[in-house]
Amino acid sequence: MRVPLPGRPAWLPSGFAALDRSGHQLLVLDRLLALVAHISAPISDGRFDATISMDGSLAAFASLDHTVVTAVDGTIRWQRKSVIKSQGLPRAPLCTSTGPGVC
């Protein structure tokens, strides 16, 4: 399977994670860029961002109206509505991972 990688795939100790917006999913790749898992985005809004924990066990998806954390199998572990207002300049959500956690 060929997958176009975004400009900045997230590095994991075991490989990489890449957001596939066209397929509405987060792809987890090993160090040889072979597909290990794909996690469907639980967010229907087209404007979302995603990240994965350093150990690859959790993924976080953020839109302007909510954030969802899932296990790799897609099971929702946590979710919260956001209060980000989309007024003014165009905005896009940003989801970052620091250390072993997500968002």
PDB file of N, CA and C in Angstrom:
ATOM      1  N   MET A   1       0.841  -1.181   0.000  1.00  0.00           N
ATOM      2  CA  MET A   1       0.000   0.000   0.000  1.00  0.00           C
ATOM      3  C   MET A   1       0.883   1.241   0.000  1.00  0.00           C
ATOM      4  N   ARG A   2       0.613   2.159  -0.887  1.00  0.00           N
ATOM      5  CA  ARG A   2       1.354   3.420  -0.931  1.00  0.00           C
ATOM      6  C   ARG A   2       0.537   4.497  -0.254  1.00  0.00           C
ATOM      7  N   VAL A   3       1.211   5.257   0.607  1.00  0.00           N
ATOM      8  CA  VAL A   3       0.547   6.317   1.354  1.00  0.00           C
ATOM      9  C   VAL A   3       1.381   7.580   1.228  1.00  0.00           C
ATOM     10  N   PRO A   4       0.795   8.672   0.728  1.00  0.00           N
ATOM     11  CA  PRO A   4       1.562   9.924   0.686  1.00  0.00           C
ATOM     12  C   PRO A   4       1.720  10.465   2.101  1.00  0.00           C
ATOM     13  N   LEU A   5       2.951  10.724   2.496  1.00  0.00           N
ATOM     14  CA  LEU A   5       3.200  11.239   3.835  1.00  0.00           C
ATOM     15  C   LEU A   5       3.076  12.755   3.853  1.00  0.00           C
ATOM     16  N   PRO A   6       2.569  13.308   4.958  1.00  0.00           N
ATOM     17  CA  PRO A   6       2.528  14.762   5.077  1.00  0.00           C
ATOM     18  C   PRO A   6       3.941  15.298   5.258  1.00  0.00           C
ATOM     19  N   GLY A   7       4.079  16.605   5.234  1.00  0.00           N
ATOM     20  CA  GLY A   7       5.397  17.223   5.353  1.00  0.00           C
ATOM     21  C   GLY A   7       6.115  16.895   6.641  1.00  0.00           C
ATOM     22  N   ARG A   8       5.379  16.695   7.732  1.00  0.00           N
ATOM     23  CA  ARG A   8       6.021  16.453   9.024  1.00  0.00           C
ATOM     24  C   ARG A   8       5.370  15.275   9.748  1.00  0.00           C
ATOM     25  N   PRO A   9       5.673  14.026   9.372  1.00  0.00           N
ATOM     26  CA  PRO A   9       5.114  12.914  10.133  1.00  0.00           C
ATOM     27  C   PRO A   9       5.667  12.925  11.551  1.00  0.00           C
ATOM     28  N   ALA A  10       4.855  12.515  12.504  1.00  0.00           N
ATOM     29  CA  ALA A  10       5.285  12.478  13.906  1.00  0.00           C
ATOM     30  C   ALA A  10       6.187  11.274  14.123  1.00  0.00           C
ATOM     31  N   TRP A  11       7.291  11.480  14.812  1.00  0.00           N
ATOM     32  CA  TRP A  11       8.221  10.399  15.091  1.00  0.00           C
ATOM     33  C   TRP A  11       7.800   9.662  16.351  1.00  0.00           C
ATOM     34  N   LEU A  12       7.851   8.345  16.317  1.00  0.00           N
ATOM     35  CA  LEU A  12       7.622   7.478  17.473  1.00  0.00           C
ATOM     36  C   LEU A  12       8.868   6.627  17.652  1.00  0.00           C
ATOM     37  N   PRO A  13       9.143   6.139  18.864  1.00  0.00           N
ATOM     38  CA  PRO A  13      10.299   5.246  19.031  1.00  0.00           C
ATOM     39  C   PRO A  13      10.225   4.034  18.103  1.00  0.00           C
ATOM     40  N   SER A  14       9.013   3.589  17.771  1.00  0.00           N
ATOM     41  CA  SER A  14       8.858   2.413  16.922  1.00  0.00           C
ATOM     42  C   SER A  14       8.617   2.743  15.453  1.00  0.00           C
ATOM     43  N   GLY A  15       8.505   4.026  15.114  1.00  0.00           N
ATOM     44  CA  GLY A  15       8.249   4.391  13.722  1.00  0.00           C
ATOM     45  C   GLY A  15       7.691   5.792  13.586  1.00  0.00           C
ATOM     46  N   PHE A  16       6.579   5.926  12.860  1.00  0.00           N
ATOM     47  CA  PHE A  16       6.009   7.237  12.558  1.00  0.00           C
ATOM     48  C   PHE A  16       4.483   7.183  12.609  1.00  0.00           C
ATOM     49  N   ALA A  17       3.879   8.352  12.729  1.00  0.00           N
ATOM     50  CA  ALA A  17       2.435   8.499  12.573  1.00  0.00           C
ATOM     51  C   ALA A  17       2.205   9.596  11.558  1.00  0.00           C
ATOM     52  N   ALA A  18       1.238   9.392  10.685  1.00  0.00           N
ATOM     53  CA  ALA A  18       0.942  10.369   9.646  1.00  0.00           C
ATOM     54  C   ALA A  18      -0.564  10.550   9.520  1.00  0.00           C
ATOM     55  N   LEU A  19      -0.995  11.785   9.408  1.00  0.00           N
ATOM     56  CA  LEU A  19      -2.408  12.091   9.283  1.00  0.00           C
ATOM     57  C   LEU A  19      -2.806  12.045   7.814  1.00  0.00           C
ATOM     58  N   ASP A  20      -3.758  11.183   7.491  1.00  0.00           N
ATOM     59  CA  ASP A  20      -4.287  11.062   6.137  1.00  0.00           C
ATOM     60  C   ASP A  20      -5.660  11.734   6.120  1.00  0.00           C
ATOM     61  N   ARG A  21      -5.678  13.015   5.767  1.00  0.00           N
ATOM     62  CA  ARG A  21      -6.938  13.770   5.778  1.00  0.00           C
ATOM     63  C   ARG A  21      -7.926  13.251   4.739  1.00  0.00           C
ATOM     64  N   SER A  22      -7.426  12.780   3.609  1.00  0.00           N
ATOM     65  CA  SER A  22      -8.334  12.304   2.562  1.00  0.00           C
ATOM     66  C   SER A  22      -9.083  11.052   3.024  1.00  0.00           C
ATOM     67  N   GLY A  23      -8.428  10.212   3.811  1.00  0.00           N
ATOM     68  CA  GLY A  23      -9.072   9.016   4.334  1.00  0.00           C
ATOM     69  C   GLY A  23      -9.645   9.214   5.712  1.00  0.00           C
ATOM     70  N   HIS A  24      -9.486  10.421   6.259  1.00  0.00           N
ATOM     71  CA  HIS A  24     -10.026  10.772   7.583  1.00  0.00           C
ATOM     72  C   HIS A  24      -9.520   9.795   8.659  1.00  0.00           C
ATOM     73  N   GLN A  25      -8.184   9.581   8.663  1.00  0.00           N
ATOM     74  CA  GLN A  25      -7.613   8.638   9.618  1.00  0.00           C
ATOM     75  C   GLN A  25      -6.163   8.982   9.947  1.00  0.00           C
ATOM     76  N   LEU A  26      -5.688   8.421  11.053  1.00  0.00           N
ATOM     77  CA  LEU A  26      -4.299   8.545  11.469  1.00  0.00           C
ATOM     78  C   LEU A  26      -3.617   7.219  11.174  1.00  0.00           C
ATOM     79  N   LEU A  27      -2.518   7.264  10.433  1.00  0.00           N
ATOM     80  CA  LEU A  27      -1.792   6.054  10.059  1.00  0.00           C
ATOM     81  C   LEU A  27      -0.587   5.884  10.964  1.00  0.00           C
ATOM     82  N   VAL A  28      -0.363   4.676  11.454  1.00  0.00           N
ATOM     83  CA  VAL A  28       0.795   4.348  12.278  1.00  0.00           C
ATOM     84  C   VAL A  28       1.688   3.453  11.433  1.00  0.00           C
ATOM     85  N   LEU A  29       2.940   3.888  11.265  1.00  0.00           N
ATOM     86  CA  LEU A  29       3.894   3.198  10.401  1.00  0.00           C
ATOM     87  C   LEU A  29       5.100   2.742  11.206  1.00  0.00           C
ATOM     88  N   ASP A  30       5.692   1.610  10.806  1.00  0.00           N
ATOM     89  CA  ASP A  30       6.902   1.170  11.492  1.00  0.00           C
ATOM     90  C   ASP A  30       8.098   1.921  10.910  1.00  0.00           C
ATOM     91  N   ARG A  31       9.303   1.581  11.347  1.00  0.00           N
ATOM     92  CA  ARG A  31      10.498   2.300  10.896  1.00  0.00           C
ATOM     93  C   ARG A  31      10.788   2.131   9.409  1.00  0.00           C
ATOM     94  N   LEU A  32      10.238   1.080   8.805  1.00  0.00           N
ATOM     95  CA  LEU A  32      10.395   0.873   7.360  1.00  0.00           C
ATOM     96  C   LEU A  32       9.227   1.465   6.582  1.00  0.00           C
ATOM     97  N   LEU A  33       8.366   2.218   7.283  1.00  0.00           N
ATOM     98  CA  LEU A  33       7.187   2.876   6.734  1.00  0.00           C
ATOM     99  C   LEU A  33       6.119   1.894   6.267  1.00  0.00           C
ATOM    100  N   ALA A  34       6.109   0.700   6.845  1.00  0.00           N
ATOM    101  CA  ALA A  34       5.028  -0.246   6.582  1.00  0.00           C
ATOM    102  C   ALA A  34       3.863   0.100   7.511  1.00  0.00           C
ATOM    103  N   LEU A  35       2.652  -0.004   7.007  1.00  0.00           N
ATOM    104  CA  LEU A  35       1.463   0.327   7.783  1.00  0.00           C
ATOM    105  C   LEU A  35       1.262  -0.687   8.900  1.00  0.00           C
ATOM    106  N   VAL A  36       1.206  -0.200  10.143  1.00  0.00           N
ATOM    107  CA  VAL A  36       0.996  -1.043  11.317  1.00  0.00           C
ATOM    108  C   VAL A  36      -0.463  -0.964  11.760  1.00  0.00           C
ATOM    109  N   ALA A  37      -1.022   0.245  11.737  1.00  0.00           N
ATOM    110  CA  ALA A  37      -2.415   0.437  12.148  1.00  0.00           C
ATOM    111  C   ALA A  37      -2.950   1.705  11.521  1.00  0.00           C
ATOM    112  N   HIS A  38      -4.258   1.757  11.369  1.00  0.00           N
ATOM    113  CA  HIS A  38      -4.905   2.999  10.964  1.00  0.00           C
ATOM    114  C   HIS A  38      -6.062   3.219  11.922  1.00  0.00           C
ATOM    115  N   ILE A  39      -6.163   4.455  12.398  1.00  0.00           N
ATOM    116  CA  ILE A  39      -7.158   4.805  13.402  1.00  0.00           C
ATOM    117  C   ILE A  39      -8.113   5.797  12.758  1.00  0.00           C
ATOM    118  N   SER A  40      -9.362   5.410  12.612  1.00  0.00           N
ATOM    119  CA  SER A  40     -10.354   6.297  12.016  1.00  0.00           C
ATOM    120  C   SER A  40     -10.612   7.479  12.928  1.00  0.00           C
ATOM    121  N   ALA A  41     -10.673   8.664  12.356  1.00  0.00           N
ATOM    122  CA  ALA A  41     -10.927   9.874  13.133  1.00  0.00           C
ATOM    123  C   ALA A  41     -12.373   9.880  13.620  1.00  0.00           C
ATOM    124  N   PRO A  42     -12.580  10.009  14.935  1.00  0.00           N
ATOM    125  CA  PRO A  42     -13.939  10.041  15.475  1.00  0.00           C
ATOM    126  C   PRO A  42     -14.565  11.429  15.384  1.00  0.00           C
ATOM    127  N   ILE A  43     -13.986  12.296  14.576  1.00  0.00           N
ATOM    128  CA  ILE A  43     -14.448  13.676  14.417  1.00  0.00           C
ATOM    129  C   ILE A  43     -14.921  13.851  12.984  1.00  0.00           C
ATOM    130  N   SER A  44     -16.142  14.331  12.820  1.00  0.00           N
ATOM    131  CA  SER A  44     -16.689  14.475  11.475  1.00  0.00           C
ATOM    132  C   SER A  44     -16.312  15.790  10.815  1.00  0.00           C
ATOM    133  N   ASP A  45     -15.932  16.791  11.604  1.00  0.00           N
ATOM    134  CA  ASP A  45     -15.526  18.087  11.059  1.00  0.00           C
ATOM    135  C   ASP A  45     -14.284  17.898  10.203  1.00  0.00           C
ATOM    136  N   GLY A  46     -14.271  18.465   9.015  1.00  0.00           N
ATOM    137  CA  GLY A  46     -13.118  18.341   8.129  1.00  0.00           C
ATOM    138  C   GLY A  46     -11.886  19.047   8.635  1.00  0.00           C
ATOM    139  N   ARG A  47     -12.061  20.028   9.534  1.00  0.00           N
ATOM    140  CA  ARG A  47     -10.912  20.752  10.086  1.00  0.00           C
ATOM    141  C   ARG A  47     -10.550  20.124  11.422  1.00  0.00           C
ATOM    142  N   PHE A  48      -9.617  19.197  11.397  1.00  0.00           N
ATOM    143  CA  PHE A  48      -9.163  18.570  12.632  1.00  0.00           C
ATOM    144  C   PHE A  48      -7.673  18.296  12.537  1.00  0.00           C
ATOM    145  N   ASP A  49      -7.073  18.061  13.689  1.00  0.00           N
ATOM    146  CA  ASP A  49      -5.673  17.690  13.753  1.00  0.00           C
ATOM    147  C   ASP A  49      -5.595  16.443  14.612  1.00  0.00           C
ATOM    148  N   ALA A  50      -4.507  15.722  14.528  1.00  0.00           N
ATOM    149  CA  ALA A  50      -4.360  14.487  15.294  1.00  0.00           C
ATOM    150  C   ALA A  50      -2.907  14.290  15.687  1.00  0.00           C
ATOM    151  N   THR A  51      -2.716  13.547  16.759  1.00  0.00           N
ATOM    152  CA  THR A  51      -1.379  13.169  17.200  1.00  0.00           C
ATOM    153  C   THR A  51      -1.483  11.818  17.878  1.00  0.00           C
ATOM    154  N   ILE A  52      -0.359  11.215  18.116  1.00  0.00           N
ATOM    155  CA  ILE A  52      -0.333   9.909  18.769  1.00  0.00           C
ATOM    156  C   ILE A  52       0.669   9.954  19.905  1.00  0.00           C
ATOM    157  N   SER A  53       0.419   9.176  20.959  1.00  0.00           N
ATOM    158  CA  SER A  53       1.332   9.148  22.095  1.00  0.00           C
ATOM    159  C   SER A  53       2.660   8.521  21.670  1.00  0.00           C
ATOM    160  N   MET A  54       3.710   8.832  22.414  1.00  0.00           N
ATOM    161  CA  MET A  54       5.041   8.333  22.049  1.00  0.00           C
ATOM    162  C   MET A  54       5.115   6.814  22.024  1.00  0.00           C
ATOM    163  N   ASP A  55       4.326   6.144  22.862  1.00  0.00           N
ATOM    164  CA  ASP A  55       4.365   4.681  22.849  1.00  0.00           C
ATOM    165  C   ASP A  55       3.413   4.093  21.803  1.00  0.00           C
ATOM    166  N   GLY A  56       2.659   4.948  21.102  1.00  0.00           N
ATOM    167  CA  GLY A  56       1.777   4.487  20.036  1.00  0.00           C
ATOM    168  C   GLY A  56       0.484   3.860  20.511  1.00  0.00           C
ATOM    169  N   SER A  57       0.151   3.968  21.791  1.00  0.00           N
ATOM    170  CA  SER A  57      -1.043   3.299  22.310  1.00  0.00           C
ATOM    171  C   SER A  57      -2.300   4.162  22.292  1.00  0.00           C
ATOM    172  N   LEU A  58      -2.146   5.481  22.232  1.00  0.00           N
ATOM    173  CA  LEU A  58      -3.287   6.395  22.232  1.00  0.00           C
ATOM    174  C   LEU A  58      -3.160   7.395  21.092  1.00  0.00           C
ATOM    175  N   ALA A  59      -4.292   7.822  20.573  1.00  0.00           N
ATOM    176  CA  ALA A  59      -4.326   8.868  19.559  1.00  0.00           C
ATOM    177  C   ALA A  59      -5.288   9.941  20.026  1.00  0.00           C
ATOM    178  N   ALA A  60      -4.971  11.192  19.722  1.00  0.00           N
ATOM    179  CA  ALA A  60      -5.843  12.303  20.078  1.00  0.00           C
ATOM    180  C   ALA A  60      -6.227  13.036  18.802  1.00  0.00           C
ATOM    181  N   PHE A  61      -7.505  13.376  18.696  1.00  0.00           N
ATOM    182  CA  PHE A  61      -8.047  14.104  17.564  1.00  0.00           C
ATOM    183  C   PHE A  61      -8.697  15.362  18.111  1.00  0.00           C
ATOM    184  N   ALA A  62      -8.413  16.511  17.514  1.00  0.00           N
ATOM    185  CA  ALA A  62      -8.968  17.776  17.992  1.00  0.00           C
ATOM    186  C   ALA A  62      -9.574  18.550  16.837  1.00  0.00           C
ATOM    187  N   SER A  63     -10.783  19.055  17.056  1.00  0.00           N
ATOM    188  CA  SER A  63     -11.420  19.980  16.122  1.00  0.00           C
ATOM    189  C   SER A  63     -11.683  21.254  16.900  1.00  0.00           C
ATOM    190  N   LEU A  64     -12.327  22.222  16.272  1.00  0.00           N
ATOM    191  CA  LEU A  64     -12.611  23.456  16.986  1.00  0.00           C
ATOM    192  C   LEU A  64     -13.681  23.271  18.056  1.00  0.00           C
ATOM    193  N   ASP A  65     -14.457  22.183  17.987  1.00  0.00           N
ATOM    194  CA  ASP A  65     -15.510  22.022  18.982  1.00  0.00           C
ATOM    195  C   ASP A  65     -15.338  20.860  19.957  1.00  0.00           C
ATOM    196  N   HIS A  66     -14.398  19.952  19.723  1.00  0.00           N
ATOM    197  CA  HIS A  66     -14.132  18.931  20.739  1.00  0.00           C
ATOM    198  C   HIS A  66     -12.817  18.190  20.501  1.00  0.00           C
ATOM    199  N   THR A  67     -12.375  17.506  21.554  1.00  0.00           N
ATOM    200  CA  THR A  67     -11.160  16.698  21.533  1.00  0.00           C
ATOM    201  C   THR A  67     -11.532  15.288  21.950  1.00  0.00           C
ATOM    202  N   VAL A  68     -10.996  14.300  21.244  1.00  0.00           N
ATOM    203  CA  VAL A  68     -11.288  12.897  21.532  1.00  0.00           C
ATOM    204  C   VAL A  68      -9.966  12.136  21.599  1.00  0.00           C
ATOM    205  N   VAL A  69      -9.795  11.324  22.632  1.00  0.00           N
ATOM    206  CA  VAL A  69      -8.624  10.449  22.758  1.00  0.00           C
ATOM    207  C   VAL A  69      -9.117   9.015  22.596  1.00  0.00           C
ATOM    208  N   THR A  70      -8.468   8.272  21.710  1.00  0.00           N
ATOM    209  CA  THR A  70      -8.863   6.892  21.454  1.00  0.00           C
ATOM    210  C   THR A  70      -7.684   5.948  21.666  1.00  0.00           C
ATOM    211  N   ALA A  71      -8.003   4.681  21.866  1.00  0.00           N
ATOM    212  CA  ALA A  71      -6.984   3.632  21.820  1.00  0.00           C
ATOM    213  C   ALA A  71      -6.696   3.374  20.345  1.00  0.00           C
ATOM    214  N   VAL A  72      -5.660   2.626  20.044  1.00  0.00           N
ATOM    215  CA  VAL A  72      -5.288   2.345  18.661  1.00  0.00           C
ATOM    216  C   VAL A  72      -6.406   1.616  17.920  1.00  0.00           C
ATOM    217  N   ASP A  73      -7.198   0.823  18.635  1.00  0.00           N
ATOM    218  CA  ASP A  73      -8.297   0.111  17.982  1.00  0.00           C
ATOM    219  C   ASP A  73      -9.518   1.001  17.736  1.00  0.00           C
ATOM    220  N   GLY A  74      -9.442   2.290  18.108  1.00  0.00           N
ATOM    221  CA  GLY A  74     -10.536   3.220  17.878  1.00  0.00           C
ATOM    222  C   GLY A  74     -11.484   3.393  19.047  1.00  0.00           C
ATOM    223  N   THR A  75     -11.308   2.614  20.122  1.00  0.00           N
ATOM    224  CA  THR A  75     -12.153   2.745  21.302  1.00  0.00           C
ATOM    225  C   THR A  75     -11.926   4.115  21.941  1.00  0.00           C
ATOM    226  N   ILE A  76     -13.001   4.864  22.149  1.00  0.00           N
ATOM    227  CA  ILE A  76     -12.879   6.190  22.754  1.00  0.00           C
ATOM    228  C   ILE A  76     -12.559   6.045  24.235  1.00  0.00           C
ATOM    229  N   ARG A  77     -11.467   6.673  24.659  1.00  0.00           N
ATOM    230  CA  ARG A  77     -11.040   6.639  26.055  1.00  0.00           C
ATOM    231  C   ARG A  77     -11.449   7.890  26.812  1.00  0.00           C
ATOM    232  N   TRP A  78     -11.524   9.026  26.079  1.00  0.00           N
ATOM    233  CA  TRP A  78     -11.822  10.308  26.726  1.00  0.00           C
ATOM    234  C   TRP A  78     -12.276  11.274  25.656  1.00  0.00           C
ATOM    235  N   GLN A  79     -13.224  12.135  26.008  1.00  0.00           N
ATOM    236  CA  GLN A  79     -13.615  13.188  25.080  1.00  0.00           C
ATOM    237  C   GLN A  79     -14.123  14.393  25.850  1.00  0.00           C
ATOM    238  N   ARG A  80     -13.989  15.544  25.243  1.00  0.00           N
ATOM    239  CA  ARG A  80     -14.409  16.783  25.889  1.00  0.00           C
ATOM    240  C   ARG A  80     -14.787  17.802  24.822  1.00  0.00           C
ATOM    241  N   LYS A  81     -15.872  18.497  25.073  1.00  0.00           N
ATOM    242  CA  LYS A  81     -16.275  19.606  24.196  1.00  0.00           C
ATOM    243  C   LYS A  81     -15.323  20.759  24.420  1.00  0.00           C
ATOM    244  N   SER A  82     -15.041  21.508  23.364  1.00  0.00           N
ATOM    245  CA  SER A  82     -14.152  22.663  23.442  1.00  0.00           C
ATOM    246  C   SER A  82     -14.970  23.946  23.387  1.00  0.00           C
ATOM    247  N   VAL A  83     -14.334  25.018  23.761  1.00  0.00           N
ATOM    248  CA  VAL A  83     -14.989  26.320  23.693  1.00  0.00           C
ATOM    249  C   VAL A  83     -14.210  27.266  22.780  1.00  0.00           C
ATOM    250  N   ILE A  84     -13.520  26.723  21.810  1.00  0.00           N
ATOM    251  CA  ILE A  84     -12.759  27.540  20.871  1.00  0.00           C
ATOM    252  C   ILE A  84     -13.741  28.215  19.913  1.00  0.00           C
ATOM    253  N   LYS A  85     -13.692  29.513  19.824  1.00  0.00           N
ATOM    254  CA  LYS A  85     -14.590  30.252  18.943  1.00  0.00           C
ATOM    255  C   LYS A  85     -13.913  30.438  17.590  1.00  0.00           C
ATOM    256  N   SER A  86     -14.653  30.228  16.529  1.00  0.00           N
ATOM    257  CA  SER A  86     -14.077  30.335  15.186  1.00  0.00           C
ATOM    258  C   SER A  86     -14.310  31.714  14.592  1.00  0.00           C
ATOM    259  N   GLN A  87     -14.244  32.751  15.404  1.00  0.00           N
ATOM    260  CA  GLN A  87     -14.433  34.123  14.939  1.00  0.00           C
ATOM    261  C   GLN A  87     -13.121  34.669  14.383  1.00  0.00           C
ATOM    262  N   GLY A  88     -13.239  35.697  13.567  1.00  0.00           N
ATOM    263  CA  GLY A  88     -12.042  36.385  13.087  1.00  0.00           C
ATOM    264  C   GLY A  88     -11.307  35.620  12.018  1.00  0.00           C
ATOM    265  N   LEU A  89      -9.998  35.590  12.126  1.00  0.00           N
ATOM    266  CA  LEU A  89      -9.162  34.944  11.127  1.00  0.00           C
ATOM    267  C   LEU A  89      -9.464  33.460  11.041  1.00  0.00           C
ATOM    268  N   PRO A  90      -9.249  32.849   9.884  1.00  0.00           N
ATOM    269  CA  PRO A  90      -9.452  31.396   9.792  1.00  0.00           C
ATOM    270  C   PRO A  90      -8.544  30.684  10.786  1.00  0.00           C
ATOM    271  N   ARG A  91      -9.105  29.735  11.477  1.00  0.00           N
ATOM    272  CA  ARG A  91      -8.334  28.987  12.469  1.00  0.00           C
ATOM    273  C   ARG A  91      -8.438  27.502  12.180  1.00  0.00           C
ATOM    274  N   ALA A  92      -7.446  26.788  12.597  1.00  0.00           N
ATOM    275  CA  ALA A  92      -7.447  25.334  12.502  1.00  0.00           C
ATOM    276  C   ALA A  92      -6.996  24.795  13.845  1.00  0.00           C
ATOM    277  N   PRO A  93      -7.532  23.677  14.278  1.00  0.00           N
ATOM    278  CA  PRO A  93      -7.103  23.108  15.552  1.00  0.00           C
ATOM    279  C   PRO A  93      -5.663  22.614  15.455  1.00  0.00           C
ATOM    280  N   LEU A  94      -4.999  22.570  16.588  1.00  0.00           N
ATOM    281  CA  LEU A  94      -3.638  22.072  16.648  1.00  0.00           C
ATOM    282  C   LEU A  94      -3.546  21.111  17.814  1.00  0.00           C
ATOM    283  N   CYS A  95      -3.106  19.929  17.546  1.00  0.00           N
ATOM    284  CA  CYS A  95      -2.994  18.887  18.559  1.00  0.00           C
ATOM    285  C   CYS A  95      -1.521  18.488  18.631  1.00  0.00           C
ATOM    286  N   THR A  96      -0.907  18.625  19.795  1.00  0.00           N
ATOM    287  CA  THR A  96       0.498  18.272  19.936  1.00  0.00           C
ATOM    288  C   THR A  96       0.667  17.262  21.051  1.00  0.00           C
ATOM    289  N   SER A  97       1.743  16.536  20.999  1.00  0.00           N
ATOM    290  CA  SER A  97       2.040  15.528  22.016  1.00  0.00           C
ATOM    291  C   SER A  97       3.326  15.920  22.727  1.00  0.00           C
ATOM    292  N   THR A  98       3.293  15.869  24.052  1.00  0.00           N
ATOM    293  CA  THR A  98       4.501  16.147  24.823  1.00  0.00           C
ATOM    294  C   THR A  98       4.757  14.968  25.744  1.00  0.00           C
ATOM    295  N   GLY A  99       5.914  14.364  25.626  1.00  0.00           N
ATOM    296  CA  GLY A  99       6.234  13.197  26.444  1.00  0.00           C
ATOM    297  C   GLY A  99       5.321  12.044  26.091  1.00  0.00           C
ATOM    298  N   PRO A 100       4.977  11.222  27.100  1.00  0.00           N
ATOM    299  CA  PRO A 100       4.171  10.040  26.822  1.00  0.00           C
ATOM    300  C   PRO A 100       2.684  10.332  26.676  1.00  0.00           C
ATOM    301  N   GLY A 101       2.245  11.536  26.926  1.00  0.00           N
ATOM    302  CA  GLY A 101       0.816  11.859  26.857  1.00  0.00           C
ATOM    303  C   GLY A 101       0.429  12.381  25.504  1.00  0.00           C
ATOM    304  N   VAL A 102      -0.830  12.721  25.366  1.00  0.00           N
ATOM    305  CA  VAL A 102      -1.324  13.322  24.133  1.00  0.00           C
ATOM    306  C   VAL A 102      -2.102  14.571  24.485  1.00  0.00           C
ATOM    307  N   CYS A 103      -2.121  15.512  23.538  1.00  0.00           N
ATOM    308  CA  CYS A 103      -2.846  16.788  23.676  1.00  0.00           C
ATOM    309  C   CYS A 103      -2.757  17.341  25.085  1.00  0.00           C
TER     310      CYS A 103
END
